[in-house]
Amino acid sequence: MIYLKITIDNAPTFNINDFENVESTKVFDADGELIADLGLVSRENVSYDEMPQSLIDAFVSIEDSRFFEHNGFDLPRFVKSLLENLKTLSFSQGASTLSMQLVRSVYFTDDATQTSRVKSIEYKIQQIYLAIKAEEEISKKRIFELYVNRINFGASTTRGVKGAAQYYFGKDVSELSLSESAYLAGVINAPNYFNAYKNLDIGTERRNTVLAL
């Protein structure tokens, strides 16, 4: 218990303002044409209500099937993951909820370089603690919105689902098909590896996995 308290006490201080996704500054010419997108990363946020249900379902199915039920930490999934890791000794099962992934991207990952802290028990405990704190103050829909507007989809320096929809499919998020939604939900697991421009067959296989789920 002392170890747990010390670990939590050393966690980043939770501040709801830290979760706001700052959009890049866009500069247009006199004809309304975009001539510059200023910032370390390019980002334009999209609201939850603008997202098709297929996109929401795709993310929940592949990343966090009980997202709308848990409090930020999915204990049954975590225990199952722990047992699998002990059995295989691979420690490949992370069991991070969408809320935990959002916390990781806010407090433990550099947005521009996508480098994160070395994984450790302390790191995971702090993620769980901050995810539960986040869910006490932020609605599920808002957490999902913040998450998909923040993450890396492998679209160069663009972050968030709006830029990813344009990068991969040349369309607005609201226009995404089921297949396209499934691809975007799948690519985030390894954005460069599953990038269809680089590995079409592998990206397609990943999309199919999401569709099956």
C-alpha atoms as a PDB file:
ATOM      1  CA  MET A   1       0.000   0.000   0.000  1.00  0.00           C
ATOM      2  CA  ILE A   2       2.890   2.366   0.753  1.00  0.00           C
ATOM      3  CA  TYR A   3       4.382   1.621  -2.662  1.00  0.00           C
ATOM      4  CA  LEU A   4       1.019   2.313  -4.318  1.00  0.00           C
ATOM      5  CA  LYS A   5       0.602   5.633  -2.481  1.00  0.00           C
ATOM      6  CA  ILE A   6       4.114   6.796  -3.375  1.00  0.00           C
ATOM      7  CA  THR A   7       3.566   5.873  -7.028  1.00  0.00           C
ATOM      8  CA  ILE A   8       0.261   7.773  -7.196  1.00  0.00           C
ATOM      9  CA  ASP A   9       1.741  10.757  -5.340  1.00  0.00           C
ATOM     10  CA  ASN A  10       4.455  10.917  -8.011  1.00  0.00           C
ATOM     11  CA  ALA A  11       1.944  10.897 -10.876  1.00  0.00           C
ATOM     12  CA  PRO A  12       1.506  14.040 -12.999  1.00  0.00           C
ATOM     13  CA  THR A  13      -0.980  16.460 -11.443  1.00  0.00           C
ATOM     14  CA  PHE A  14      -4.378  16.029 -13.070  1.00  0.00           C
ATOM     15  CA  ASN A  15      -5.685  19.180 -14.728  1.00  0.00           C
ATOM     16  CA  ILE A  16      -8.712  19.028 -17.000  1.00  0.00           C
ATOM     17  CA  ASN A  17      -7.287  21.848 -19.114  1.00  0.00           C
ATOM     18  CA  ASP A  18      -4.357  19.622 -20.096  1.00  0.00           C
ATOM     19  CA  PHE A  19      -6.721  17.526 -22.206  1.00  0.00           C
ATOM     20  CA  GLU A  20      -7.682  20.291 -24.611  1.00  0.00           C
ATOM     21  CA  ASN A  21      -6.313  19.625 -28.097  1.00  0.00           C
ATOM     22  CA  VAL A  22      -4.802  22.806 -29.461  1.00  0.00           C
ATOM     23  CA  GLU A  23      -5.507  23.213 -33.164  1.00  0.00           C
ATOM     24  CA  SER A  24      -2.772  24.365 -35.519  1.00  0.00           C
ATOM     25  CA  THR A  25      -3.036  27.873 -36.997  1.00  0.00           C
ATOM     26  CA  LYS A  26      -4.161  27.942 -40.625  1.00  0.00           C
ATOM     27  CA  VAL A  27      -3.284  30.834 -42.929  1.00  0.00           C
ATOM     28  CA  PHE A  28      -5.406  31.488 -46.042  1.00  0.00           C
ATOM     29  CA  ASP A  29      -4.833  33.764 -49.025  1.00  0.00           C
ATOM     30  CA  ALA A  30      -7.306  36.353 -50.336  1.00  0.00           C
ATOM     31  CA  ASP A  31      -9.103  33.664 -52.350  1.00  0.00           C
ATOM     32  CA  GLY A  32      -9.607  31.459 -49.299  1.00  0.00           C
ATOM     33  CA  GLU A  33      -6.931  28.943 -50.284  1.00  0.00           C
ATOM     34  CA  LEU A  34      -4.858  27.393 -47.493  1.00  0.00           C
ATOM     35  CA  ILE A  35      -1.240  28.561 -47.818  1.00  0.00           C
ATOM     36  CA  ALA A  36       0.218  27.565 -44.426  1.00  0.00           C
ATOM     37  CA  ASP A  37      -0.585  25.298 -41.472  1.00  0.00           C
ATOM     38  CA  LEU A  38       1.474  26.518 -38.527  1.00  0.00           C
ATOM     39  CA  GLY A  39       2.382  24.432 -35.492  1.00  0.00           C
ATOM     40  CA  LEU A  40       4.524  21.476 -34.411  1.00  0.00           C
ATOM     41  CA  VAL A  41       1.697  19.239 -35.631  1.00  0.00           C
ATOM     42  CA  SER A  42      -1.318  19.869 -37.841  1.00  0.00           C
ATOM     43  CA  ARG A  43      -4.652  19.328 -36.078  1.00  0.00           C
ATOM     44  CA  GLU A  44      -8.284  20.278 -36.613  1.00  0.00           C
ATOM     45  CA  ASN A  45     -10.767  18.997 -34.054  1.00  0.00           C
ATOM     46  CA  VAL A  46     -14.085  17.335 -34.851  1.00  0.00           C
ATOM     47  CA  SER A  47     -16.990  16.929 -32.411  1.00  0.00           C
ATOM     48  CA  TYR A  48     -18.435  13.607 -31.273  1.00  0.00           C
ATOM     49  CA  ASP A  49     -21.735  14.389 -32.985  1.00  0.00           C
ATOM     50  CA  GLU A  50     -19.957  14.838 -36.320  1.00  0.00           C
ATOM     51  CA  MET A  51     -18.535  11.318 -36.193  1.00  0.00           C
ATOM     52  CA  PRO A  52     -20.403   8.442 -37.870  1.00  0.00           C
ATOM     53  CA  GLN A  53     -21.537   5.630 -35.573  1.00  0.00           C
ATOM     54  CA  SER A  54     -19.358   3.257 -37.576  1.00  0.00           C
ATOM     55  CA  LEU A  55     -16.240   5.120 -36.416  1.00  0.00           C
ATOM     56  CA  ILE A  56     -17.259   4.986 -32.765  1.00  0.00           C
ATOM     57  CA  ASP A  57     -18.161   1.287 -33.014  1.00  0.00           C
ATOM     58  CA  ALA A  58     -14.882   0.485 -34.769  1.00  0.00           C
ATOM     59  CA  PHE A  59     -12.723   2.094 -32.092  1.00  0.00           C
ATOM     60  CA  VAL A  60     -14.663   0.549 -29.240  1.00  0.00           C
ATOM     61  CA  SER A  61     -14.576  -2.922 -30.817  1.00  0.00           C
ATOM     62  CA  ILE A  62     -10.810  -3.027 -31.341  1.00  0.00           C
ATOM     63  CA  GLU A  63      -9.514  -0.876 -28.488  1.00  0.00           C
ATOM     64  CA  ASP A  64     -11.933  -1.014 -25.567  1.00  0.00           C
ATOM     65  CA  SER A  65     -15.109  -3.106 -25.865  1.00  0.00           C
ATOM     66  CA  ARG A  66     -16.458  -2.018 -22.456  1.00  0.00           C
ATOM     67  CA  PHE A  67     -15.570   1.651 -22.867  1.00  0.00           C
ATOM     68  CA  PHE A  68     -19.076   2.909 -22.131  1.00  0.00           C
ATOM     69  CA  GLU A  69     -19.386   0.708 -19.034  1.00  0.00           C
ATOM     70  CA  HIS A  70     -16.155   0.935 -17.003  1.00  0.00           C
ATOM     71  CA  ASN A  71     -14.841   3.814 -14.871  1.00  0.00           C
ATOM     72  CA  GLY A  72     -11.625   4.267 -16.833  1.00  0.00           C
ATOM     73  CA  PHE A  73     -10.103   0.960 -15.768  1.00  0.00           C
ATOM     74  CA  ASP A  74     -11.405  -2.375 -17.093  1.00  0.00           C
ATOM     75  CA  LEU A  75     -10.462  -4.811 -14.318  1.00  0.00           C
ATOM     76  CA  PRO A  76     -11.663  -8.065 -16.013  1.00  0.00           C
ATOM     77  CA  ARG A  77      -9.748  -7.210 -19.177  1.00  0.00           C
ATOM     78  CA  PHE A  78      -6.683  -6.229 -17.165  1.00  0.00           C
ATOM     79  CA  VAL A  79      -6.678  -9.532 -15.251  1.00  0.00           C
ATOM     80  CA  LYS A  80      -7.140 -11.507 -18.474  1.00  0.00           C
ATOM     81  CA  SER A  81      -4.258  -9.600 -20.060  1.00  0.00           C
ATOM     82  CA  LEU A  82      -2.050 -10.180 -17.030  1.00  0.00           C
ATOM     83  CA  LEU A  83      -2.683 -13.928 -17.133  1.00  0.00           C
ATOM     84  CA  GLU A  84      -1.935 -14.050 -20.862  1.00  0.00           C
ATOM     85  CA  ASN A  85       1.301 -12.159 -20.339  1.00  0.00           C
ATOM     86  CA  LEU A  86       2.375 -14.507 -17.555  1.00  0.00           C
ATOM     87  CA  LYS A  87       1.528 -17.525 -19.711  1.00  0.00           C
ATOM     88  CA  THR A  88       3.437 -16.371 -22.797  1.00  0.00           C
ATOM     89  CA  LEU A  89       6.076 -14.219 -21.056  1.00  0.00           C
ATOM     90  CA  SER A  90       5.712 -11.837 -24.001  1.00  0.00           C
ATOM     91  CA  PHE A  91       3.980  -9.010 -22.096  1.00  0.00           C
ATOM     92  CA  SER A  92       2.378  -7.934 -25.364  1.00  0.00           C
ATOM     93  CA  GLN A  93      -1.124  -7.550 -23.910  1.00  0.00           C
ATOM     94  CA  GLY A  94      -1.548  -3.993 -22.641  1.00  0.00           C
ATOM     95  CA  ALA A  95      -5.263  -3.852 -21.693  1.00  0.00           C
ATOM     96  CA  SER A  96      -5.251  -0.061 -21.754  1.00  0.00           C
ATOM     97  CA  THR A  97      -8.710   1.488 -21.970  1.00  0.00           C
ATOM     98  CA  LEU A  98      -9.372   4.446 -24.266  1.00  0.00           C
ATOM     99  CA  SER A  99      -9.284   6.649 -21.164  1.00  0.00           C
ATOM    100  CA  MET A 100      -5.884   5.273 -20.203  1.00  0.00           C
ATOM    101  CA  GLN A 101      -4.629   5.802 -23.743  1.00  0.00           C
ATOM    102  CA  LEU A 102      -5.833   9.400 -23.651  1.00  0.00           C
ATOM    103  CA  VAL A 103      -4.016   9.940 -20.355  1.00  0.00           C
ATOM    104  CA  ARG A 104      -0.883   8.370 -21.821  1.00  0.00           C
ATOM    105  CA  SER A 105      -0.972  10.701 -24.818  1.00  0.00           C
ATOM    106  CA  VAL A 106      -1.504  13.769 -22.603  1.00  0.00           C
ATOM    107  CA  TYR A 107       0.953  13.102 -19.777  1.00  0.00           C
ATOM    108  CA  PHE A 108       3.387  10.462 -20.977  1.00  0.00           C
ATOM    109  CA  THR A 109       3.881  11.091 -24.722  1.00  0.00           C
ATOM    110  CA  ASP A 110       5.486  13.903 -26.691  1.00  0.00           C
ATOM    111  CA  ASP A 111       2.837  14.974 -29.224  1.00  0.00           C
ATOM    112  CA  ALA A 112       5.311  15.985 -31.926  1.00  0.00           C
ATOM    113  CA  THR A 113       7.713  13.020 -31.778  1.00  0.00           C
ATOM    114  CA  GLN A 114       5.318  10.403 -30.342  1.00  0.00           C
ATOM    115  CA  THR A 115       8.012   9.245 -27.942  1.00  0.00           C
ATOM    116  CA  SER A 116       6.751   8.012 -24.578  1.00  0.00           C
ATOM    117  CA  ARG A 117       8.082   7.018 -21.201  1.00  0.00           C
ATOM    118  CA  VAL A 118       9.642   3.611 -20.743  1.00  0.00           C
ATOM    119  CA  LYS A 119       6.901   1.180 -19.745  1.00  0.00           C
ATOM    120  CA  SER A 120       6.960   0.153 -16.111  1.00  0.00           C
ATOM    121  CA  ILE A 121       4.620  -0.896 -13.323  1.00  0.00           C
ATOM    122  CA  GLU A 122       4.706   2.647 -11.924  1.00  0.00           C
ATOM    123  CA  TYR A 123       3.809   4.046 -15.333  1.00  0.00           C
ATOM    124  CA  LYS A 124       0.784   1.736 -15.627  1.00  0.00           C
ATOM    125  CA  ILE A 125      -0.451   2.477 -12.095  1.00  0.00           C
ATOM    126  CA  GLN A 126      -0.273   6.207 -12.769  1.00  0.00           C
ATOM    127  CA  GLN A 127      -2.164   5.756 -16.044  1.00  0.00           C
ATOM    128  CA  ILE A 128      -4.946   3.885 -14.253  1.00  0.00           C
ATOM    129  CA  TYR A 129      -5.158   6.479 -11.487  1.00  0.00           C
ATOM    130  CA  LEU A 130      -5.306   9.422 -13.908  1.00  0.00           C
ATOM    131  CA  ALA A 131      -7.802   7.648 -16.194  1.00  0.00           C
ATOM    132  CA  ILE A 132     -10.196   7.167 -13.271  1.00  0.00           C
ATOM    133  CA  LYS A 133      -9.710  10.828 -12.320  1.00  0.00           C
ATOM    134  CA  ALA A 134     -10.450  11.855 -15.909  1.00  0.00           C
ATOM    135  CA  GLU A 135     -13.679   9.852 -16.001  1.00  0.00           C
ATOM    136  CA  GLU A 136     -14.853  11.550 -12.813  1.00  0.00           C
ATOM    137  CA  GLU A 137     -14.718  14.927 -14.551  1.00  0.00           C
ATOM    138  CA  ILE A 138     -15.123  14.256 -18.281  1.00  0.00           C
ATOM    139  CA  SER A 139     -18.044  12.526 -20.000  1.00  0.00           C
ATOM    140  CA  LYS A 140     -17.518   9.345 -22.032  1.00  0.00           C
ATOM    141  CA  LYS A 141     -18.419  11.123 -25.272  1.00  0.00           C
ATOM    142  CA  ARG A 142     -15.960  13.925 -24.529  1.00  0.00           C
ATOM    143  CA  ILE A 143     -13.187  11.453 -23.672  1.00  0.00           C
ATOM    144  CA  PHE A 144     -13.741   9.667 -26.972  1.00  0.00           C
ATOM    145  CA  GLU A 145     -13.762  12.991 -28.809  1.00  0.00           C
ATOM    146  CA  LEU A 146     -10.542  14.163 -27.153  1.00  0.00           C
ATOM    147  CA  TYR A 147      -8.897  10.812 -27.849  1.00  0.00           C
ATOM    148  CA  VAL A 148      -9.565  10.562 -31.587  1.00  0.00           C
ATOM    149  CA  ASN A 149      -8.708  14.236 -32.097  1.00  0.00           C
ATOM    150  CA  ARG A 150      -5.334  13.760 -30.430  1.00  0.00           C
ATOM    151  CA  ILE A 151      -3.828  10.482 -31.583  1.00  0.00           C
ATOM    152  CA  ASN A 152      -1.403   9.653 -34.356  1.00  0.00           C
ATOM    153  CA  PHE A 153      -2.839   7.876 -37.414  1.00  0.00           C
ATOM    154  CA  GLY A 154       0.415   7.740 -39.354  1.00  0.00           C
ATOM    155  CA  ALA A 155      -0.595  10.748 -41.465  1.00  0.00           C
ATOM    156  CA  SER A 156       2.803  12.498 -41.421  1.00  0.00           C
ATOM    157  CA  THR A 157       2.743  15.389 -38.895  1.00  0.00           C
ATOM    158  CA  THR A 158      -1.060  15.477 -38.900  1.00  0.00           C
ATOM    159  CA  ARG A 159      -2.779  14.413 -35.696  1.00  0.00           C
ATOM    160  CA  GLY A 160      -6.405  13.505 -35.130  1.00  0.00           C
ATOM    161  CA  VAL A 161      -9.146  11.763 -37.037  1.00  0.00           C
ATOM    162  CA  LYS A 162     -10.181  14.718 -39.207  1.00  0.00           C
ATOM    163  CA  GLY A 163      -6.753  15.015 -40.803  1.00  0.00           C
ATOM    164  CA  ALA A 164      -6.489  11.222 -41.063  1.00  0.00           C
ATOM    165  CA  ALA A 165      -9.778  10.990 -42.972  1.00  0.00           C
ATOM    166  CA  GLN A 166      -8.475  13.548 -45.446  1.00  0.00           C
ATOM    167  CA  TYR A 167      -5.021  11.954 -45.675  1.00  0.00           C
ATOM    168  CA  TYR A 168      -6.211   8.410 -46.379  1.00  0.00           C
ATOM    169  CA  PHE A 169      -9.572   8.929 -48.077  1.00  0.00           C
ATOM    170  CA  GLY A 170      -9.833  12.579 -49.126  1.00  0.00           C
ATOM    171  CA  LYS A 171     -13.114  13.070 -47.296  1.00  0.00           C
ATOM    172  CA  ASP A 172     -14.647  14.545 -44.168  1.00  0.00           C
ATOM    173  CA  VAL A 173     -15.009  12.380 -41.046  1.00  0.00           C
ATOM    174  CA  SER A 174     -18.808  12.484 -41.322  1.00  0.00           C
ATOM    175  CA  GLU A 175     -18.573  10.826 -44.749  1.00  0.00           C
ATOM    176  CA  LEU A 176     -16.515   7.808 -43.675  1.00  0.00           C
ATOM    177  CA  SER A 177     -17.841   4.382 -44.649  1.00  0.00           C
ATOM    178  CA  LEU A 178     -17.802   1.345 -42.365  1.00  0.00           C
ATOM    179  CA  SER A 179     -14.691  -0.002 -44.095  1.00  0.00           C
ATOM    180  CA  GLU A 180     -12.877   3.336 -43.811  1.00  0.00           C
ATOM    181  CA  SER A 181     -13.840   3.719 -40.153  1.00  0.00           C
ATOM    182  CA  ALA A 182     -12.501   0.224 -39.458  1.00  0.00           C
ATOM    183  CA  TYR A 183      -9.217   1.042 -41.150  1.00  0.00           C
ATOM    184  CA  LEU A 184      -8.706   4.238 -39.119  1.00  0.00           C
ATOM    185  CA  ALA A 185      -9.473   2.417 -35.870  1.00  0.00           C
ATOM    186  CA  GLY A 186      -6.981  -0.286 -36.772  1.00  0.00           C
ATOM    187  CA  VAL A 187      -4.088   1.826 -37.999  1.00  0.00           C
ATOM    188  CA  ILE A 188      -3.428   3.562 -34.660  1.00  0.00           C
ATOM    189  CA  ASN A 189      -2.012   0.399 -33.093  1.00  0.00           C
ATOM    190  CA  ALA A 190       1.116   0.791 -35.260  1.00  0.00           C
ATOM    191  CA  PRO A 191       0.598   3.853 -37.500  1.00  0.00           C
ATOM    192  CA  ASN A 192       3.667   3.440 -39.689  1.00  0.00           C
ATOM    193  CA  TYR A 193       3.377  -0.337 -39.992  1.00  0.00           C
ATOM    194  CA  PHE A 194      -0.339  -0.365 -40.866  1.00  0.00           C
ATOM    195  CA  ASN A 195      -0.148   2.723 -43.107  1.00  0.00           C
ATOM    196  CA  ALA A 196      -1.838   1.575 -46.329  1.00  0.00           C
ATOM    197  CA  TYR A 197       0.369   3.836 -48.443  1.00  0.00           C
ATOM    198  CA  LYS A 198       3.380   1.856 -47.231  1.00  0.00           C
ATOM    199  CA  ASN A 199       1.900  -1.600 -46.525  1.00  0.00           C
ATOM    200  CA  LEU A 200      -1.420  -1.993 -48.319  1.00  0.00           C
ATOM    201  CA  ASP A 201      -1.824  -5.730 -47.681  1.00  0.00           C
ATOM    202  CA  ILE A 202      -0.976  -5.439 -43.990  1.00  0.00           C
ATOM    203  CA  GLY A 203      -3.195  -2.379 -43.570  1.00  0.00           C
ATOM    204  CA  THR A 204      -6.047  -4.242 -45.244  1.00  0.00           C
ATOM    205  CA  GLU A 205      -5.585  -7.248 -42.958  1.00  0.00           C
ATOM    206  CA  ARG A 206      -5.739  -4.972 -39.937  1.00  0.00           C
ATOM    207  CA  ARG A 207      -8.933  -3.364 -41.252  1.00  0.00           C
ATOM    208  CA  ASN A 208     -10.444  -6.821 -41.710  1.00  0.00           C
ATOM    209  CA  THR A 209      -9.622  -7.692 -38.099  1.00  0.00           C
ATOM    210  CA  VAL A 210     -11.539  -4.635 -36.921  1.00  0.00           C
ATOM    211  CA  LEU A 211     -14.479  -5.466 -39.185  1.00  0.00           C
ATOM    212  CA  ALA A 212     -14.598  -8.999 -37.784  1.00  0.00           C
ATOM    213  CA  LEU A 213     -14.718  -7.657 -34.228  1.00  0.00           C
END
